[in-house]
Amino acid sequence: MIKKRVFVDADSCPVKKDIYELTERHRIPVIYVASYRHITDHYPGEWVYVDPDPDAADFYIASHAAANDIVITSDMGLSALLTAKAVLVLTPTGIIVNDKDIPLILYNRYIGKKERAEGHRTKGPKPFTEEDRRLFRRVLTDLLA
């Protein structure tokens, strides 16, 4: 299966350098999508800048990614839209998001938002580790091969 492109939800992505290195090695085009608040030229590839609205990058990626593209994001709402279109979704921690997992993911997301709205504290994401980076590189390498 040939992968056409890699899209990156780039605003807070901790693995941009890894993505650049691996896509360059495999000669796969990469499109970084970020808000105008995060303009950078650190990594070669196509950079698309969108409004700073929290969902603008998600909407761009959802409307441009196609079946067999790879999208790197930690946004599970975006992941739900993409897996339904046969887009491969990979988190920066190296987890492949499958369509069958989406209902539970979205339910847990809903419960967390509900808890916070009621004033309860919930756990945030775990800190990003070098083990996360190694797993991400292994999985992305496999997807690109």
N, C-alpha and C. Protein backbone atom coordinates (compact mmCIF):
# COMPACT_ATOMS: atom_id res chain seq x y z
N MET A 1 0.85 -1.18 0.00
CA MET A 1 0.00 0.00 0.00
C MET A 1 0.89 1.24 0.00
N ILE A 2 0.72 2.08 -0.99
CA ILE A 2 1.55 3.28 -1.12
C ILE A 2 0.91 4.43 -0.34
N LYS A 3 1.70 5.07 0.48
CA LYS A 3 1.24 6.23 1.24
C LYS A 3 1.48 7.47 0.40
N LYS A 4 0.45 8.26 0.22
CA LYS A 4 0.60 9.45 -0.62
C LYS A 4 1.32 10.57 0.10
N ARG A 5 0.84 10.88 1.34
CA ARG A 5 1.38 12.04 2.05
C ARG A 5 1.30 11.80 3.55
N VAL A 6 2.05 12.63 4.26
CA VAL A 6 1.97 12.65 5.72
C VAL A 6 1.55 14.07 6.10
N PHE A 7 0.45 14.17 6.86
CA PHE A 7 0.00 15.44 7.41
C PHE A 7 0.36 15.47 8.89
N VAL A 8 0.79 16.64 9.37
CA VAL A 8 1.17 16.78 10.77
C VAL A 8 0.35 17.90 11.39
N ASP A 9 -0.36 17.59 12.46
CA ASP A 9 -1.04 18.58 13.28
C ASP A 9 0.09 19.22 14.11
N ALA A 10 0.69 20.27 13.56
CA ALA A 10 2.03 20.68 13.96
C ALA A 10 2.16 21.64 15.14
N ASP A 11 1.09 22.26 15.60
CA ASP A 11 1.23 23.30 16.63
C ASP A 11 1.99 22.81 17.86
N SER A 12 1.61 21.70 18.41
CA SER A 12 2.29 21.25 19.63
C SER A 12 2.90 19.86 19.45
N CYS A 13 3.22 19.51 18.23
CA CYS A 13 3.76 18.18 17.94
C CYS A 13 5.23 18.09 18.39
N PRO A 14 5.54 17.15 19.29
CA PRO A 14 6.91 17.04 19.79
C PRO A 14 7.84 16.22 18.89
N VAL A 15 7.34 15.70 17.77
CA VAL A 15 8.17 14.81 16.95
C VAL A 15 8.36 15.34 15.52
N LYS A 16 8.30 16.65 15.34
CA LYS A 16 8.45 17.22 14.00
C LYS A 16 9.81 16.86 13.38
N LYS A 17 10.86 16.92 14.17
CA LYS A 17 12.19 16.59 13.64
C LYS A 17 12.23 15.12 13.21
N ASP A 18 11.65 14.24 13.99
CA ASP A 18 11.62 12.81 13.65
C ASP A 18 10.83 12.58 12.36
N ILE A 19 9.71 13.28 12.24
CA ILE A 19 8.88 13.14 11.04
C ILE A 19 9.67 13.59 9.82
N TYR A 20 10.33 14.73 9.93
CA TYR A 20 11.14 15.23 8.82
C TYR A 20 12.19 14.20 8.42
N GLU A 21 12.94 13.69 9.39
CA GLU A 21 14.01 12.73 9.08
C GLU A 21 13.47 11.48 8.39
N LEU A 22 12.38 10.94 8.90
CA LEU A 22 11.86 9.68 8.36
C LEU A 22 11.17 9.87 7.02
N THR A 23 10.42 10.94 6.84
CA THR A 23 9.76 11.15 5.55
C THR A 23 10.79 11.50 4.47
N GLU A 24 11.82 12.21 4.86
CA GLU A 24 12.90 12.54 3.90
C GLU A 24 13.59 11.26 3.42
N ARG A 25 13.87 10.38 4.35
CA ARG A 25 14.53 9.11 4.03
C ARG A 25 13.69 8.28 3.06
N HIS A 26 12.37 8.31 3.23
CA HIS A 26 11.47 7.51 2.40
C HIS A 26 10.89 8.29 1.23
N ARG A 27 11.30 9.56 1.11
CA ARG A 27 10.84 10.44 0.02
C ARG A 27 9.31 10.51 -0.04
N ILE A 28 8.72 10.72 1.12
CA ILE A 28 7.28 10.88 1.25
C ILE A 28 7.01 12.35 1.53
N PRO A 29 6.11 12.98 0.78
CA PRO A 29 5.80 14.40 1.05
C PRO A 29 5.16 14.58 2.41
N VAL A 30 5.55 15.65 3.09
CA VAL A 30 5.00 15.95 4.41
C VAL A 30 4.41 17.36 4.39
N ILE A 31 3.22 17.48 4.98
CA ILE A 31 2.53 18.76 5.08
C ILE A 31 2.31 19.06 6.56
N TYR A 32 2.98 20.09 7.05
CA TYR A 32 2.81 20.53 8.43
C TYR A 32 1.70 21.57 8.44
N VAL A 33 0.71 21.40 9.31
CA VAL A 33 -0.40 22.35 9.40
C VAL A 33 -0.34 22.99 10.79
N ALA A 34 -0.22 24.32 10.81
CA ALA A 34 -0.06 25.04 12.08
C ALA A 34 -0.82 26.36 12.01
N SER A 35 -1.05 26.94 13.16
CA SER A 35 -1.71 28.24 13.18
C SER A 35 -0.67 29.33 12.90
N TYR A 36 -1.18 30.50 12.52
CA TYR A 36 -0.30 31.64 12.27
C TYR A 36 0.51 32.01 13.51
N ARG A 37 0.06 31.62 14.68
CA ARG A 37 0.79 31.92 15.92
C ARG A 37 2.06 31.08 16.04
N HIS A 38 2.20 30.06 15.21
CA HIS A 38 3.35 29.14 15.33
C HIS A 38 4.17 29.10 14.04
N ILE A 39 4.33 30.23 13.38
CA ILE A 39 5.08 30.26 12.12
C ILE A 39 6.53 29.88 12.41
N THR A 40 7.03 28.96 11.60
CA THR A 40 8.40 28.48 11.75
C THR A 40 8.92 28.03 10.40
N ASP A 41 10.20 27.91 10.27
CA ASP A 41 10.78 27.35 9.05
C ASP A 41 11.85 26.32 9.43
N HIS A 42 11.69 25.71 10.59
CA HIS A 42 12.71 24.80 11.09
C HIS A 42 12.86 23.54 10.26
N TYR A 43 11.78 23.06 9.67
CA TYR A 43 11.83 21.79 8.95
C TYR A 43 11.36 21.98 7.53
N PRO A 44 12.14 21.45 6.57
CA PRO A 44 11.69 21.52 5.18
C PRO A 44 10.40 20.72 5.01
N GLY A 45 9.69 21.04 3.99
CA GLY A 45 8.41 20.41 3.70
C GLY A 45 7.41 21.52 3.47
N GLU A 46 6.22 21.15 3.15
CA GLU A 46 5.18 22.15 2.93
C GLU A 46 4.58 22.57 4.27
N TRP A 47 4.51 23.86 4.48
CA TRP A 47 3.89 24.40 5.70
C TRP A 47 2.63 25.13 5.30
N VAL A 48 1.53 24.76 5.92
CA VAL A 48 0.25 25.41 5.70
C VAL A 48 -0.12 26.10 7.01
N TYR A 49 -0.40 27.40 6.93
CA TYR A 49 -0.76 28.15 8.13
C TYR A 49 -2.24 28.51 8.07
N VAL A 50 -2.91 28.29 9.19
CA VAL A 50 -4.34 28.53 9.29
C VAL A 50 -4.61 29.51 10.43
N ASP A 51 -5.84 29.97 10.52
CA ASP A 51 -6.23 30.87 11.60
C ASP A 51 -5.90 30.24 12.96
N PRO A 52 -5.73 31.06 13.99
CA PRO A 52 -5.40 30.52 15.31
C PRO A 52 -6.57 29.87 16.03
N ASP A 53 -7.74 29.79 15.40
CA ASP A 53 -8.87 29.09 15.99
C ASP A 53 -8.43 27.67 16.36
N PRO A 54 -8.83 27.17 17.54
CA PRO A 54 -8.36 25.86 18.00
C PRO A 54 -8.63 24.70 17.04
N ASP A 55 -9.66 24.82 16.20
CA ASP A 55 -9.99 23.71 15.30
C ASP A 55 -9.60 23.94 13.85
N ALA A 56 -8.99 25.08 13.54
CA ALA A 56 -8.69 25.41 12.15
C ALA A 56 -7.74 24.39 11.50
N ALA A 57 -6.70 24.00 12.21
CA ALA A 57 -5.77 23.00 11.65
C ALA A 57 -6.48 21.67 11.46
N ASP A 58 -7.33 21.31 12.42
CA ASP A 58 -8.09 20.05 12.31
C ASP A 58 -8.98 20.06 11.08
N PHE A 59 -9.69 21.17 10.85
CA PHE A 59 -10.58 21.26 9.70
C PHE A 59 -9.79 21.17 8.39
N TYR A 60 -8.63 21.82 8.35
CA TYR A 60 -7.81 21.76 7.14
C TYR A 60 -7.38 20.32 6.87
N ILE A 61 -6.86 19.66 7.88
CA ILE A 61 -6.38 18.29 7.71
C ILE A 61 -7.54 17.37 7.33
N ALA A 62 -8.66 17.49 8.01
CA ALA A 62 -9.81 16.62 7.73
C ALA A 62 -10.31 16.79 6.30
N SER A 63 -10.22 18.00 5.78
CA SER A 63 -10.72 18.21 4.42
C SER A 63 -9.70 17.89 3.34
N HIS A 64 -8.43 17.76 3.68
CA HIS A 64 -7.40 17.50 2.67
C HIS A 64 -6.80 16.09 2.71
N ALA A 65 -6.83 15.43 3.85
CA ALA A 65 -6.26 14.08 3.93
C ALA A 65 -7.20 13.09 3.25
N ALA A 66 -6.60 12.12 2.58
CA ALA A 66 -7.37 11.11 1.85
C ALA A 66 -6.96 9.71 2.30
N ALA A 67 -7.71 8.74 1.85
CA ALA A 67 -7.43 7.35 2.19
C ALA A 67 -5.96 7.04 1.94
N ASN A 68 -5.36 6.33 2.88
CA ASN A 68 -3.96 5.89 2.85
C ASN A 68 -2.94 6.98 3.16
N ASP A 69 -3.38 8.22 3.35
CA ASP A 69 -2.47 9.23 3.87
C ASP A 69 -2.24 8.89 5.34
N ILE A 70 -1.19 9.44 5.91
CA ILE A 70 -0.89 9.28 7.33
C ILE A 70 -1.05 10.65 7.97
N VAL A 71 -1.77 10.71 9.08
CA VAL A 71 -1.90 11.96 9.83
C VAL A 71 -1.34 11.73 11.23
N ILE A 72 -0.50 12.65 11.66
CA ILE A 72 0.09 12.57 12.99
C ILE A 72 -0.57 13.65 13.84
N THR A 73 -1.30 13.19 14.86
CA THR A 73 -2.04 14.09 15.73
C THR A 73 -2.32 13.42 17.06
N SER A 74 -2.53 14.22 18.08
CA SER A 74 -2.98 13.68 19.36
C SER A 74 -4.44 14.06 19.60
N ASP A 75 -5.06 14.68 18.62
CA ASP A 75 -6.46 15.12 18.73
C ASP A 75 -7.38 13.96 18.34
N MET A 76 -8.13 13.46 19.31
CA MET A 76 -8.98 12.29 19.06
C MET A 76 -10.25 12.64 18.31
N GLY A 77 -10.72 13.88 18.41
CA GLY A 77 -11.86 14.30 17.60
C GLY A 77 -11.48 14.27 16.12
N LEU A 78 -10.32 14.82 15.80
CA LEU A 78 -9.81 14.77 14.43
C LEU A 78 -9.59 13.33 14.00
N SER A 79 -9.05 12.52 14.89
CA SER A 79 -8.80 11.10 14.57
C SER A 79 -10.09 10.39 14.17
N ALA A 80 -11.19 10.71 14.85
CA ALA A 80 -12.48 10.08 14.52
C ALA A 80 -12.90 10.42 13.10
N LEU A 81 -12.71 11.66 12.71
CA LEU A 81 -13.06 12.05 11.34
C LEU A 81 -12.19 11.34 10.31
N LEU A 82 -10.93 11.18 10.64
CA LEU A 82 -9.98 10.63 9.68
C LEU A 82 -10.07 9.12 9.52
N THR A 83 -10.19 8.40 10.62
CA THR A 83 -10.24 6.93 10.50
C THR A 83 -11.47 6.50 9.71
N ALA A 84 -12.55 7.28 9.77
CA ALA A 84 -13.74 6.96 8.99
C ALA A 84 -13.48 7.09 7.49
N LYS A 85 -12.43 7.84 7.12
CA LYS A 85 -12.06 8.03 5.71
C LYS A 85 -10.90 7.12 5.29
N ALA A 86 -10.55 6.14 6.12
CA ALA A 86 -9.43 5.22 5.84
C ALA A 86 -8.08 5.93 5.83
N VAL A 87 -7.97 7.02 6.60
CA VAL A 87 -6.70 7.70 6.80
C VAL A 87 -6.01 7.01 7.97
N LEU A 88 -4.72 6.78 7.86
CA LEU A 88 -3.95 6.18 8.96
C LEU A 88 -3.61 7.27 9.96
N VAL A 89 -3.99 7.07 11.21
CA VAL A 89 -3.75 8.08 12.25
C VAL A 89 -2.75 7.53 13.25
N LEU A 90 -1.72 8.32 13.52
CA LEU A 90 -0.66 7.95 14.45
C LEU A 90 -0.49 9.09 15.45
N THR A 91 -0.44 8.76 16.73
CA THR A 91 -0.20 9.79 17.74
C THR A 91 1.31 10.03 17.87
N PRO A 92 1.72 11.16 18.40
CA PRO A 92 3.15 11.41 18.61
C PRO A 92 3.81 10.43 19.59
N THR A 93 2.99 9.68 20.34
CA THR A 93 3.55 8.68 21.25
C THR A 93 3.62 7.30 20.61
N GLY A 94 3.31 7.20 19.31
CA GLY A 94 3.48 5.95 18.59
C GLY A 94 2.28 5.02 18.59
N ILE A 95 1.11 5.52 18.94
CA ILE A 95 -0.10 4.70 18.96
C ILE A 95 -0.85 4.89 17.66
N ILE A 96 -1.20 3.80 17.00
CA ILE A 96 -2.05 3.86 15.82
C ILE A 96 -3.49 3.87 16.31
N VAL A 97 -4.26 4.85 15.85
CA VAL A 97 -5.66 4.98 16.24
C VAL A 97 -6.50 4.24 15.21
N ASN A 98 -7.26 3.25 15.68
CA ASN A 98 -8.10 2.45 14.80
C ASN A 98 -9.55 2.90 14.89
N ASP A 99 -10.27 2.74 13.80
CA ASP A 99 -11.68 3.12 13.74
C ASP A 99 -12.50 2.42 14.82
N LYS A 100 -12.16 1.17 15.11
CA LYS A 100 -12.91 0.41 16.12
C LYS A 100 -12.71 0.96 17.53
N ASP A 101 -11.64 1.70 17.76
CA ASP A 101 -11.35 2.27 19.08
C ASP A 101 -12.02 3.63 19.31
N ILE A 102 -12.50 4.25 18.26
CA ILE A 102 -13.01 5.62 18.34
C ILE A 102 -14.19 5.78 19.30
N PRO A 103 -15.20 4.89 19.28
CA PRO A 103 -16.31 5.12 20.22
C PRO A 103 -15.86 5.21 21.68
N LEU A 104 -14.99 4.32 22.12
CA LEU A 104 -14.52 4.36 23.50
C LEU A 104 -13.66 5.61 23.75
N ILE A 105 -12.83 5.95 22.81
CA ILE A 105 -11.99 7.15 22.95
C ILE A 105 -12.86 8.39 23.11
N LEU A 106 -13.86 8.52 22.25
CA LEU A 106 -14.73 9.70 22.32
C LEU A 106 -15.59 9.70 23.57
N TYR A 107 -16.01 8.53 24.01
CA TYR A 107 -16.78 8.44 25.25
C TYR A 107 -15.93 8.92 26.43
N ASN A 108 -14.71 8.43 26.52
CA ASN A 108 -13.81 8.85 27.61
C ASN A 108 -13.52 10.34 27.54
N ARG A 109 -13.39 10.86 26.34
CA ARG A 109 -13.17 12.29 26.16
C ARG A 109 -14.38 13.08 26.67
N TYR A 110 -15.57 12.61 26.34
CA TYR A 110 -16.80 13.24 26.79
C TYR A 110 -16.90 13.23 28.33
N ILE A 111 -16.62 12.08 28.93
CA ILE A 111 -16.70 11.96 30.39
C ILE A 111 -15.70 12.92 31.05
N GLY A 112 -14.50 13.01 30.51
CA GLY A 112 -13.50 13.93 31.05
C GLY A 112 -13.96 15.38 30.99
N LYS A 113 -14.53 15.78 29.84
CA LYS A 113 -15.03 17.15 29.71
C LYS A 113 -16.18 17.40 30.68
N LYS A 114 -17.05 16.42 30.83
CA LYS A 114 -18.18 16.55 31.74
C LYS A 114 -17.67 16.71 33.18
N GLU A 115 -16.70 15.90 33.57
CA GLU A 115 -16.12 15.98 34.92
C GLU A 115 -15.51 17.37 35.16
N ARG A 116 -14.76 17.88 34.18
CA ARG A 116 -14.15 19.20 34.34
C ARG A 116 -15.20 20.29 34.41
N ALA A 117 -16.27 20.16 33.63
CA ALA A 117 -17.35 21.15 33.66
C ALA A 117 -18.04 21.19 35.02
N GLU A 118 -18.03 20.06 35.72
CA GLU A 118 -18.64 19.97 37.05
C GLU A 118 -17.66 20.38 38.15
N GLY A 119 -16.46 20.81 37.74
CA GLY A 119 -15.49 21.29 38.71
C GLY A 119 -14.53 20.25 39.24
N HIS A 120 -14.59 19.03 38.72
CA HIS A 120 -13.67 17.98 39.16
C HIS A 120 -12.36 18.08 38.40
N ARG A 121 -11.31 17.68 39.05
CA ARG A 121 -10.00 17.66 38.40
C ARG A 121 -9.83 16.31 37.71
N THR A 122 -9.25 16.34 36.53
CA THR A 122 -8.95 15.11 35.80
C THR A 122 -7.46 15.10 35.47
N LYS A 123 -6.96 13.92 35.20
CA LYS A 123 -5.54 13.81 34.85
C LYS A 123 -5.32 14.38 33.45
N GLY A 124 -4.21 15.04 33.30
CA GLY A 124 -3.82 15.52 31.98
C GLY A 124 -3.01 14.45 31.28
N PRO A 125 -2.51 14.78 30.11
CA PRO A 125 -1.68 13.79 29.39
C PRO A 125 -0.37 13.54 30.14
N LYS A 126 0.14 12.35 29.98
CA LYS A 126 1.43 12.02 30.59
C LYS A 126 2.53 12.81 29.88
N PRO A 127 3.61 13.12 30.59
CA PRO A 127 4.74 13.81 29.93
C PRO A 127 5.30 12.96 28.79
N PHE A 128 5.72 13.63 27.73
CA PHE A 128 6.32 12.96 26.58
C PHE A 128 7.71 12.46 26.97
N THR A 129 8.02 11.21 26.63
CA THR A 129 9.30 10.61 27.02
C THR A 129 10.12 10.19 25.80
N GLU A 130 11.38 9.89 26.04
CA GLU A 130 12.23 9.38 24.95
C GLU A 130 11.74 8.00 24.49
N GLU A 131 11.15 7.22 25.38
CA GLU A 131 10.56 5.93 24.97
C GLU A 131 9.40 6.17 24.01
N ASP A 132 8.59 7.20 24.28
CA ASP A 132 7.52 7.57 23.35
C ASP A 132 8.11 7.89 21.97
N ARG A 133 9.19 8.66 21.97
CA ARG A 133 9.84 9.04 20.71
C ARG A 133 10.35 7.81 19.96
N ARG A 134 10.98 6.88 20.67
CA ARG A 134 11.50 5.67 20.02
C ARG A 134 10.36 4.85 19.43
N LEU A 135 9.27 4.70 20.17
CA LEU A 135 8.13 3.94 19.66
C LEU A 135 7.53 4.64 18.44
N PHE A 136 7.39 5.95 18.51
CA PHE A 136 6.87 6.71 17.37
C PHE A 136 7.73 6.47 16.14
N ARG A 137 9.04 6.57 16.28
CA ARG A 137 9.94 6.39 15.13
C ARG A 137 9.82 4.98 14.56
N ARG A 138 9.71 3.99 15.42
CA ARG A 138 9.56 2.60 14.95
C ARG A 138 8.27 2.42 14.15
N VAL A 139 7.18 2.92 14.72
CA VAL A 139 5.88 2.74 14.06
C VAL A 139 5.81 3.53 12.75
N LEU A 140 6.26 4.78 12.76
CA LEU A 140 6.22 5.58 11.52
C LEU A 140 7.11 4.94 10.45
N THR A 141 8.26 4.45 10.84
CA THR A 141 9.14 3.77 9.87
C THR A 141 8.40 2.59 9.23
N ASP A 142 7.71 1.80 10.04
CA ASP A 142 6.94 0.67 9.50
C ASP A 142 5.84 1.14 8.55
N LEU A 143 5.14 2.22 8.91
CA LEU A 143 4.07 2.72 8.05
C LEU A 143 4.59 3.27 6.73
N LEU A 144 5.77 3.84 6.75
CA LEU A 144 6.34 4.42 5.54
C LEU A 144 6.99 3.39 4.62
N ALA A 145 7.37 2.25 5.19
CA ALA A 145 8.09 1.23 4.40
C ALA A 145 7.19 0.56 3.39
